[in-house]
Protein backbone atom coordinates (compact mmCIF):
# COMPACT_ATOMS: atom_id res chain seq x y z
CA UNK A 1 -16.24 25.23 17.97
CA UNK A 2 -15.34 24.37 14.35
CA UNK A 3 -11.71 23.33 13.94
CA UNK A 4 -9.57 25.85 12.04
CA UNK A 5 -6.35 23.94 11.27
CA UNK A 6 -5.62 20.55 9.77
CA UNK A 7 -4.19 19.29 13.05
CA UNK A 8 -7.26 20.37 14.97
CA UNK A 9 -9.54 18.81 12.34
CA UNK A 10 -7.65 15.49 12.59
CA UNK A 11 -7.86 15.55 16.36
CA UNK A 12 -11.60 16.31 16.16
CA UNK A 13 -12.24 13.49 13.67
CA UNK A 14 -10.32 10.97 15.85
CA UNK A 15 -12.36 12.03 18.87
CA UNK A 16 -15.73 11.48 17.12
CA UNK A 17 -15.52 7.67 16.81
CA UNK A 18 -13.68 5.17 19.04
CA UNK A 19 -12.41 3.04 16.12
CA UNK A 20 -10.27 4.25 13.22
CA UNK A 21 -11.72 1.49 11.08
CA UNK A 22 -15.15 -0.13 11.39
CA UNK A 23 -16.07 -2.17 8.36
CA UNK A 24 -19.42 -1.40 6.76
CA UNK A 25 -20.86 0.89 4.10
CA UNK A 26 -24.12 2.11 5.62
CA UNK A 27 -22.82 5.20 7.47
CA UNK A 28 -20.59 6.48 4.74
CA UNK A 29 -23.11 5.77 1.93
CA UNK A 30 -25.73 7.90 3.72
CA UNK A 31 -23.35 10.86 3.83
CA UNK A 32 -22.18 10.21 0.27
CA UNK A 33 -25.77 10.44 -0.96
CA UNK A 34 -26.09 13.88 0.68
CA UNK A 35 -22.98 15.19 -1.13
CA UNK A 36 -24.54 14.63 -4.54
CA UNK A 37 -21.14 14.11 -6.23
CA UNK A 38 -20.54 13.67 -9.93
CA UNK A 39 -18.18 11.03 -11.41
CA UNK A 40 -14.89 11.72 -13.14
CA UNK A 41 -14.80 12.35 -16.88
CA UNK A 42 -13.33 8.91 -17.59
CA UNK A 43 -13.06 6.24 -14.93
CA UNK A 44 -12.76 5.31 -11.28
CA UNK A 45 -10.07 2.66 -10.63
CA UNK A 46 -10.28 0.86 -7.29
CA UNK A 47 -7.29 -1.20 -6.10
CA UNK A 48 -7.52 -3.97 -3.47
CA UNK A 49 -5.01 -6.58 -2.37
CA UNK A 50 -2.91 -7.81 0.50
CA UNK A 51 0.33 -6.32 -0.86
CA UNK A 52 1.08 -4.10 -3.85
CA UNK A 53 -1.87 -1.72 -3.64
CA UNK A 54 0.27 1.36 -3.15
CA UNK A 55 2.78 0.43 -5.89
CA UNK A 56 -0.08 -0.28 -8.34
CA UNK A 57 -1.80 3.02 -7.56
CA UNK A 58 1.53 4.88 -7.96
CA UNK A 59 2.26 3.40 -11.34
CA UNK A 60 -1.26 3.89 -12.61
CA UNK A 61 -1.24 7.51 -11.49
CA UNK A 62 2.15 8.24 -12.97
CA UNK A 63 1.24 6.76 -16.36
CA UNK A 64 -2.12 8.55 -16.59
CA UNK A 65 -0.52 11.87 -15.59
CA UNK A 66 2.25 11.33 -18.19
CA UNK A 67 -0.44 11.01 -20.87
CA UNK A 68 -1.92 14.41 -19.93
CA UNK A 69 -4.85 13.19 -17.84
CA UNK A 70 -5.86 14.78 -14.55
CA UNK A 71 -5.81 12.22 -11.69
CA UNK A 72 -6.91 12.17 -8.09
CA UNK A 73 -5.27 9.44 -5.98
CA UNK A 74 -6.38 8.32 -2.56
CA UNK A 75 -4.04 6.06 -0.53
CA UNK A 76 -3.39 5.11 3.07
CA UNK A 77 -1.78 5.18 5.55
CA UNK A 78 0.44 8.27 5.57
CA UNK A 79 4.02 8.38 6.86
CA UNK A 80 4.43 11.93 8.23
CA UNK A 81 1.64 14.20 7.00
CA UNK A 82 -2.04 13.37 6.41
CA UNK A 83 -1.82 15.31 3.13
CA UNK A 84 0.04 12.35 1.63
CA UNK A 85 -3.24 10.40 1.46
CA UNK A 86 -5.04 12.66 -1.03
CA UNK A 87 -3.16 13.85 -4.12
CA UNK A 88 -4.10 15.76 -7.26
CA UNK A 89 -1.85 14.89 -10.20
CA UNK A 90 0.66 13.34 -7.83
CA UNK A 91 0.81 16.46 -5.62
CA UNK A 92 -0.52 16.13 -2.05
CA UNK A 93 -3.41 18.41 -1.24
CA UNK A 94 -2.70 21.50 0.87
CA UNK A 95 -4.06 22.05 4.35
CA UNK A 96 -6.63 24.63 3.30
CA UNK A 97 -8.32 22.28 0.78
CA UNK A 98 -8.39 19.42 3.27
CA UNK A 99 -9.92 21.67 5.97
CA UNK A 100 -12.60 22.78 3.49
CA UNK A 101 -13.34 19.19 2.61
CA UNK A 102 -13.64 18.20 6.26
CA UNK A 103 -15.97 21.12 6.92
CA UNK A 104 -18.20 19.97 4.05
CA UNK A 105 -18.26 16.41 5.33
CA UNK A 106 -18.97 17.54 8.88
CA UNK A 107 -21.97 19.59 7.68
CA UNK A 108 -23.27 16.76 5.50
CA UNK A 109 -23.02 13.99 8.10
CA UNK A 110 -25.36 15.61 10.63
CA UNK A 111 -25.68 13.08 13.43
CA UNK A 112 -24.22 10.12 11.46
CA UNK A 113 -21.06 8.89 13.20
CA UNK A 114 -18.07 8.39 10.94
CA UNK A 115 -14.74 6.67 11.53
CA UNK A 116 -11.49 8.43 10.81
CA UNK A 117 -11.14 6.43 7.57
CA UNK A 118 -14.73 7.07 6.46
CA UNK A 119 -14.27 10.79 7.07
CA UNK A 120 -10.99 10.79 5.12
CA UNK A 121 -12.48 8.75 2.20
CA UNK A 122 -15.50 11.04 1.86
CA UNK A 123 -13.19 14.05 1.97
CA UNK A 124 -11.16 12.61 -0.90
CA UNK A 125 -14.28 12.00 -2.95
CA UNK A 126 -15.43 15.63 -2.43
CA UNK A 127 -12.01 17.04 -3.35
CA UNK A 128 -11.84 14.91 -6.51
CA UNK A 129 -15.37 16.00 -7.47
CA UNK A 130 -14.50 19.65 -7.00
CA UNK A 131 -11.30 19.24 -9.08
CA UNK A 132 -13.11 18.07 -12.24
CA UNK A 133 -10.72 15.15 -12.88
CA UNK A 134 -10.37 12.58 -15.64
CA UNK A 135 -9.59 9.63 -13.32
CA UNK A 136 -9.85 8.69 -9.70
CA UNK A 137 -7.44 6.04 -8.38
CA UNK A 138 -8.61 4.69 -5.06
CA UNK A 139 -6.73 2.36 -2.73
CA UNK A 140 -8.82 0.11 -0.49
CA UNK A 141 -7.92 0.45 3.16
CA UNK A 142 -8.88 -3.03 4.45
CA UNK A 143 -10.47 -5.98 2.67
CA UNK A 144 -12.72 -4.71 -0.12
CA UNK A 145 -16.43 -5.42 0.03
CA UNK A 146 -17.04 -3.56 3.29
CA UNK A 147 -14.25 -0.98 2.99
CA UNK A 148 -15.48 2.57 2.80
CA UNK A 149 -13.75 3.13 -0.57
CA UNK A 150 -16.28 0.62 -1.93
CA UNK A 151 -19.22 2.93 -1.18
CA UNK A 152 -18.66 4.38 -4.64
CA UNK A 153 -19.11 2.21 -7.73
CA UNK A 154 -15.84 1.61 -9.54
CA UNK A 155 -15.35 1.28 -13.30
CA UNK A 156 -12.18 -0.83 -13.00
CA UNK A 157 -11.51 -3.13 -10.05
CA UNK A 158 -7.99 -4.39 -9.42
CA UNK A 159 -6.77 -7.15 -7.04
CA UNK A 160 -3.01 -7.16 -6.65
CA UNK A 161 -2.39 -10.16 -4.37
CA UNK A 162 -4.05 -12.45 -1.86
CA UNK A 163 -2.23 -13.48 1.34
CA UNK A 164 -2.77 -13.62 5.10
CA UNK A 165 -2.84 -10.25 6.85
CA UNK A 166 -5.36 -8.41 9.09
CA UNK A 167 -6.59 -11.84 10.14
CA UNK A 168 -8.45 -10.27 13.10
CA UNK A 169 -10.65 -8.51 10.54
CA UNK A 170 -10.56 -10.75 7.51
CA UNK A 171 -9.95 -14.26 8.95
CA UNK A 172 -7.32 -16.78 7.97
CA UNK A 173 -9.06 -18.44 5.02
CA UNK A 174 -7.62 -17.33 1.62
CA UNK A 175 -10.86 -18.25 -0.20
CA UNK A 176 -12.88 -15.91 2.06
CA UNK A 177 -10.20 -13.16 1.89
CA UNK A 178 -10.22 -13.31 -1.91
CA UNK A 179 -14.01 -13.18 -2.02
CA UNK A 180 -13.99 -10.09 0.22
CA UNK A 181 -11.45 -8.32 -1.96
CA UNK A 182 -13.39 -9.27 -5.12
CA UNK A 183 -16.34 -7.49 -3.50
CA UNK A 184 -15.15 -4.27 -5.21
CA UNK A 185 -16.17 -5.69 -8.63
CA UNK A 186 -19.25 -4.29 -10.39
CA UNK A 187 -21.65 -5.70 -13.07
CA UNK A 188 -20.40 -5.25 -16.56
CA UNK A 189 -17.18 -3.63 -15.37
CA UNK A 190 -13.59 -4.75 -15.59
CA UNK A 191 -11.94 -6.82 -12.81
CA UNK A 192 -8.21 -7.36 -13.27
CA UNK A 193 -6.58 -9.91 -10.96
CA UNK A 194 -2.78 -10.07 -10.71
CA UNK A 195 -3.01 -12.73 -8.01
CA UNK A 196 -0.58 -15.66 -8.16
CA UNK A 197 -2.37 -19.00 -7.68
CA UNK A 198 -5.73 -17.22 -7.27
CA UNK A 199 -8.40 -18.75 -5.07
CA UNK A 200 -11.38 -19.90 -7.11
CA UNK A 201 -13.57 -17.43 -5.20
CA UNK A 202 -12.27 -14.53 -7.36
CA UNK A 203 -13.63 -16.05 -10.54
CA UNK A 204 -16.81 -17.16 -8.75
CA UNK A 205 -17.46 -13.65 -7.42
CA UNK A 206 -16.82 -12.13 -10.82
CA UNK A 207 -19.29 -14.53 -12.42
CA UNK A 208 -21.89 -13.92 -9.73
CA UNK A 209 -21.60 -10.14 -10.16
CA UNK A 210 -21.26 -10.21 -13.93
CA UNK A 211 -17.85 -8.49 -13.95
CA UNK A 212 -15.45 -8.86 -16.88
CA UNK A 213 -12.57 -10.87 -15.37
CA UNK A 214 -8.99 -10.64 -16.63
CA UNK A 215 -6.63 -12.91 -14.71
CA UNK A 216 -2.87 -13.31 -14.65
CA UNK A 217 -2.00 -16.74 -16.00
CA UNK A 218 -5.26 -16.97 -17.93
CA UNK A 219 -5.74 -13.79 -19.93
CA UNK A 220 -2.24 -12.35 -19.62
CA UNK A 221 1.25 -13.39 -18.51
CA UNK A 222 4.78 -12.13 -18.22
CA UNK A 223 8.21 -13.66 -18.57
CA UNK A 224 11.63 -12.56 -17.29
CA UNK A 225 14.97 -13.18 -19.04
CA UNK A 226 18.37 -11.41 -19.27
CA UNK A 227 17.32 -8.70 -16.84
CA UNK A 228 14.36 -7.75 -18.95
CA UNK A 229 10.71 -8.85 -19.07
CA UNK A 230 7.96 -9.37 -21.54
CA UNK A 231 4.19 -8.97 -21.18
CA UNK A 232 1.76 -10.99 -23.26
CA UNK A 233 -2.03 -10.58 -23.45
CA UNK A 234 -5.05 -9.36 -25.41
CA UNK A 235 -3.19 -10.15 -28.66
CA UNK A 236 -0.39 -7.80 -27.69
CA UNK A 237 3.22 -8.31 -26.71
CA UNK A 238 5.41 -5.77 -24.97
CA UNK A 239 8.99 -7.02 -24.78
CA UNK A 240 12.37 -5.70 -23.80
CA UNK A 241 10.90 -3.93 -20.77
CA UNK A 242 13.32 -2.94 -17.98
CA UNK A 243 12.93 -4.58 -14.59
CA UNK A 244 10.92 -2.03 -12.69
CA UNK A 245 11.93 -0.17 -9.57
CA UNK A 246 8.66 -1.42 -7.93
CA UNK A 247 7.65 -5.09 -7.78
CA UNK A 248 7.42 -6.73 -11.23
CA UNK A 249 4.17 -8.51 -10.41
CA UNK A 250 2.52 -5.18 -9.79
CA UNK A 251 3.98 -3.66 -12.98
CA UNK A 252 2.46 -6.55 -14.94
CA UNK A 253 -0.90 -5.96 -13.30
CA UNK A 254 -0.72 -2.23 -14.18
CA UNK A 255 -0.04 -3.04 -17.79
CA UNK A 256 -3.00 -5.45 -17.81
CA UNK A 257 -5.22 -2.69 -16.44
CA UNK A 258 -4.07 -0.13 -19.00
CA UNK A 259 -4.45 -2.51 -21.97
CA UNK A 260 -7.93 -3.63 -20.85
CA UNK A 261 -8.94 0.03 -20.41
CA UNK A 262 -8.19 0.55 -24.07
CA UNK A 263 -4.74 2.05 -23.89
CA UNK A 264 -2.04 0.84 -26.24
CA UNK A 265 1.03 2.24 -24.47
CA UNK A 266 4.16 3.20 -26.37
CA UNK A 267 7.14 1.14 -25.35
CA UNK A 268 9.18 4.28 -24.56
CA UNK A 269 6.44 5.44 -22.18
CA UNK A 270 6.46 2.05 -20.39
CA UNK A 271 10.25 2.13 -20.17
CA UNK A 272 10.09 5.57 -18.54
CA UNK A 273 7.33 4.43 -16.19
CA UNK A 274 9.02 1.26 -14.97
CA UNK A 275 12.42 2.90 -14.57
CA UNK A 276 11.18 5.94 -12.72
CA UNK A 277 8.13 4.92 -10.71
CA UNK A 278 8.85 5.17 -6.99
CA UNK A 279 6.88 4.92 -3.81
CA UNK A 280 7.96 5.77 -0.31
CA UNK A 281 8.92 2.74 1.76
CA UNK A 282 9.05 0.20 -1.06
CA UNK A 283 12.61 -1.09 -1.00
CA UNK A 284 13.70 2.51 -1.26
CA UNK A 285 17.30 3.59 -0.88
CA UNK A 286 17.50 6.63 1.35
CA UNK A 287 21.19 7.31 2.01
CA UNK A 288 24.77 6.16 1.57
CA UNK A 289 27.63 5.55 3.95
CA UNK A 290 26.00 3.53 5.32
CA UNK A 291 23.49 2.58 2.65
CA UNK A 292 19.97 2.65 4.19
CA UNK A 293 16.96 1.07 2.60
CA UNK A 294 13.36 1.31 3.90
CA UNK A 295 10.56 -1.17 3.23
CA UNK A 296 7.10 -1.41 4.74
CA UNK A 297 7.11 -5.27 4.54
CA UNK A 298 4.99 -6.49 7.45
CA UNK A 299 3.48 -9.81 6.44
CA UNK A 300 4.84 -13.13 5.18
CA UNK A 301 4.23 -12.48 1.46
CA UNK A 302 6.05 -9.14 1.65
CA UNK A 303 8.89 -10.76 3.70
CA UNK A 304 9.45 -13.22 0.89
CA UNK A 305 9.68 -10.34 -1.62
CA UNK A 306 12.06 -8.40 0.63
CA UNK A 307 14.27 -11.46 1.04
CA UNK A 308 14.55 -11.91 -2.70
CA UNK A 309 15.68 -8.30 -3.14
CA UNK A 310 18.26 -8.56 -0.39
CA UNK A 311 19.93 -11.46 -2.19
CA UNK A 312 21.33 -8.93 -4.65
CA UNK A 313 23.40 -7.22 -1.95
CA UNK A 314 27.14 -7.87 -1.95
CA UNK A 315 27.15 -8.09 1.87
CA UNK A 316 24.42 -9.17 4.27
CA UNK A 317 22.66 -6.12 5.63
CA UNK A 318 21.73 -5.22 9.18
CA UNK A 319 18.01 -5.24 10.10
CA UNK A 320 16.25 -2.55 12.07
CA UNK A 321 12.85 -4.07 12.66
CA UNK A 322 9.72 -2.88 14.50
CA UNK A 323 6.37 -4.58 14.08
CA UNK A 324 2.77 -4.51 15.24
CA UNK A 325 1.79 -7.35 17.54
CA UNK A 326 -1.27 -8.35 15.48
CA UNK A 327 0.98 -9.30 12.59
CA UNK A 328 2.45 -12.76 11.94
CA UNK A 329 5.81 -11.88 13.44
CA UNK A 330 7.02 -15.52 13.61
CA UNK A 331 6.50 -16.08 9.85
CA UNK A 332 8.02 -12.72 8.85
CA UNK A 333 11.25 -13.29 10.80
CA UNK A 334 11.43 -16.92 9.58
CA UNK A 335 11.34 -15.82 5.97
CA UNK A 336 14.06 -13.24 6.63
CA UNK A 337 16.12 -15.25 9.16
CA UNK A 338 19.01 -15.86 6.74
CA UNK A 339 18.90 -12.39 5.10
CA UNK A 340 20.63 -10.35 7.85
CA UNK A 341 23.94 -10.43 9.68
CA UNK A 342 22.37 -8.78 12.71
CA UNK A 343 18.99 -7.74 13.97
CA UNK A 344 18.20 -4.51 15.94
CA UNK A 345 14.61 -4.87 17.14
CA UNK A 346 12.69 -1.92 18.57
CA UNK A 347 9.53 -1.34 20.57
CA UNK A 348 6.69 0.40 18.82
CA UNK A 349 4.38 2.58 20.90
CA UNK A 350 0.60 2.31 21.05
CA UNK A 351 -1.79 -0.53 21.86
CA UNK A 352 -0.84 -2.40 18.67
CA UNK A 353 2.91 -1.97 18.98
CA UNK A 354 5.02 -5.10 19.56
CA UNK A 355 7.97 -5.12 21.90
CA UNK A 356 11.45 -5.54 20.40
CA UNK A 357 12.06 -8.32 22.92
CA UNK A 358 9.09 -10.25 21.44
CA UNK A 359 10.54 -10.02 17.94
CA UNK A 360 13.84 -11.18 19.38
CA UNK A 361 12.18 -14.23 20.96
CA UNK A 362 10.72 -15.22 17.55
CA UNK A 363 14.17 -14.86 16.03
CA UNK A 364 15.77 -17.13 18.65
CA UNK A 365 13.09 -19.72 17.94
CA UNK A 366 13.84 -19.50 14.23
CA UNK A 367 17.63 -19.31 14.48
CA UNK A 368 19.25 -21.22 17.35
CA UNK A 369 22.34 -18.97 17.19
CA UNK A 370 20.36 -15.74 17.05
CA UNK A 371 21.15 -14.63 20.62
CA UNK A 372 24.61 -13.45 19.47
CA UNK A 373 23.22 -11.44 16.54
CA UNK A 374 20.11 -9.73 17.97
CA UNK A 375 19.47 -6.85 20.32
CA UNK A 376 16.29 -5.10 21.36
CA UNK A 377 15.75 -1.45 22.11
CA UNK A 378 13.03 0.67 23.72
CA UNK A 379 12.79 3.05 20.78
CA UNK A 380 13.38 3.15 17.05
CA UNK A 381 15.90 5.98 17.33
CA UNK A 382 18.20 4.10 19.72
CA UNK A 383 17.94 0.91 17.62
CA UNK A 384 18.81 2.74 14.43
CA UNK A 385 21.73 4.62 15.97
CA UNK A 386 23.22 1.37 17.24
CA UNK A 387 22.71 -0.26 13.85
CA UNK A 388 24.31 2.66 12.07
CA UNK A 389 27.43 2.47 14.21
CA UNK A 390 27.82 -1.21 13.37
CA UNK A 391 27.04 -0.68 9.70
CA UNK A 392 29.83 1.93 9.40
CA UNK A 393 32.24 -0.29 11.29
CA UNK A 394 31.48 -3.41 9.16
CA UNK A 395 30.67 -1.59 5.91
CA UNK A 396 27.23 -3.15 5.65
CA UNK A 397 23.90 -1.74 4.48
CA UNK A 398 20.88 -1.25 6.77
CA UNK A 399 17.32 -2.29 5.97
CA UNK A 400 14.56 -0.63 8.05
CA UNK A 401 11.31 -2.63 7.84
CA UNK A 402 8.42 -4.30 9.62
CA UNK A 403 5.66 -1.71 9.58
CA UNK A 404 4.50 1.59 8.12
CA UNK A 405 5.05 2.89 11.64
CA UNK A 406 8.72 1.79 11.65
CA UNK A 407 9.40 3.43 8.29
CA UNK A 408 7.60 6.55 9.52
CA UNK A 409 9.93 6.70 12.51
CA UNK A 410 12.93 6.61 10.15
CA UNK A 411 11.53 9.36 7.98
CA UNK A 412 10.82 11.57 11.00
CA UNK A 413 14.36 10.91 12.33
CA UNK A 414 15.88 12.06 9.04
CA UNK A 415 13.55 15.02 8.88
CA UNK A 416 14.56 16.16 12.37
CA UNK A 417 18.26 15.86 11.45
CA UNK A 418 17.91 18.13 8.40
């Protein structure tokens, strides 16, 4: 029986393949060929990187939409509703369109097995094709070269950062990780790298492929002073820019992409972009009394960024932390060990979920006095409720972090209380 609702479609897709992700392009490419899709009027932009992909996609989409272009954006994972993954002009697709797309992919695939992510990616391509768009902005799910987003040739490849994450899939060698992410580059097409201290394999891959490489620190740079920043590159200077709501490194990468695509943005448009661009779960303030911030930081590089933001707080915040056990929990808590007055660690369900007690053990190893400032809980809700009581009592903010799953739990808790 053909599924008739979005929930039933998602359940069906999950049941068709044992793994949500299985790297490789063969299966998806066969189905893509059967769809006979056309390309957008202007360009496909594909964004890879350890951290910063979502922020970069959000800023690119917002700028292009502000200039009157039609844009399809594909990102992952979602927090509450699958619809978040596929957006047209920054508006998530409705259930009916997603169901139609899944029906088309199901008919086209025949007996070719597809993972959940491959199915979703192909559905996004079909929706964007049907919508006659100017630009597609695509976020890589994992790695780059073998990620299903890479089954379609991009016009502009972007690498936001290189760090250790998903080591089970990508290994623990930064040179190899960088090479995999640079696998989204295409001959004669632009490759913009915002990577700090980039492994040499990015430039080597670009040269091997024949891509046009633009690198931070080589072809463009940015400087910060007096709570403003300046971008320099391609014979252009944009100065007096406001510190963005999203990470500055990603904002600089976005500006490099736009300039190298031929845009010459007006300063007022950039000021509006950097002041207003937001993305769920990226150091986002959600409420007051107590102040609650959410952040999806889940690897060492993101933990360093989060720690730097917390330094601006007048009082040390309280942590509500849940993580996946395949992440580098020890390094994350070490980088954040001096950032919080107390830690409320929670279990996350599922085969990948870490136990709050395990996070607590890493904390104790990092901070000898941590036993007096950490507690673990069997669920996110109980951890957050306990943290909220202490936050009100001590007039401290709360930071919820550690995983997309943890932030999703918070968003669902708030939704249920409304």
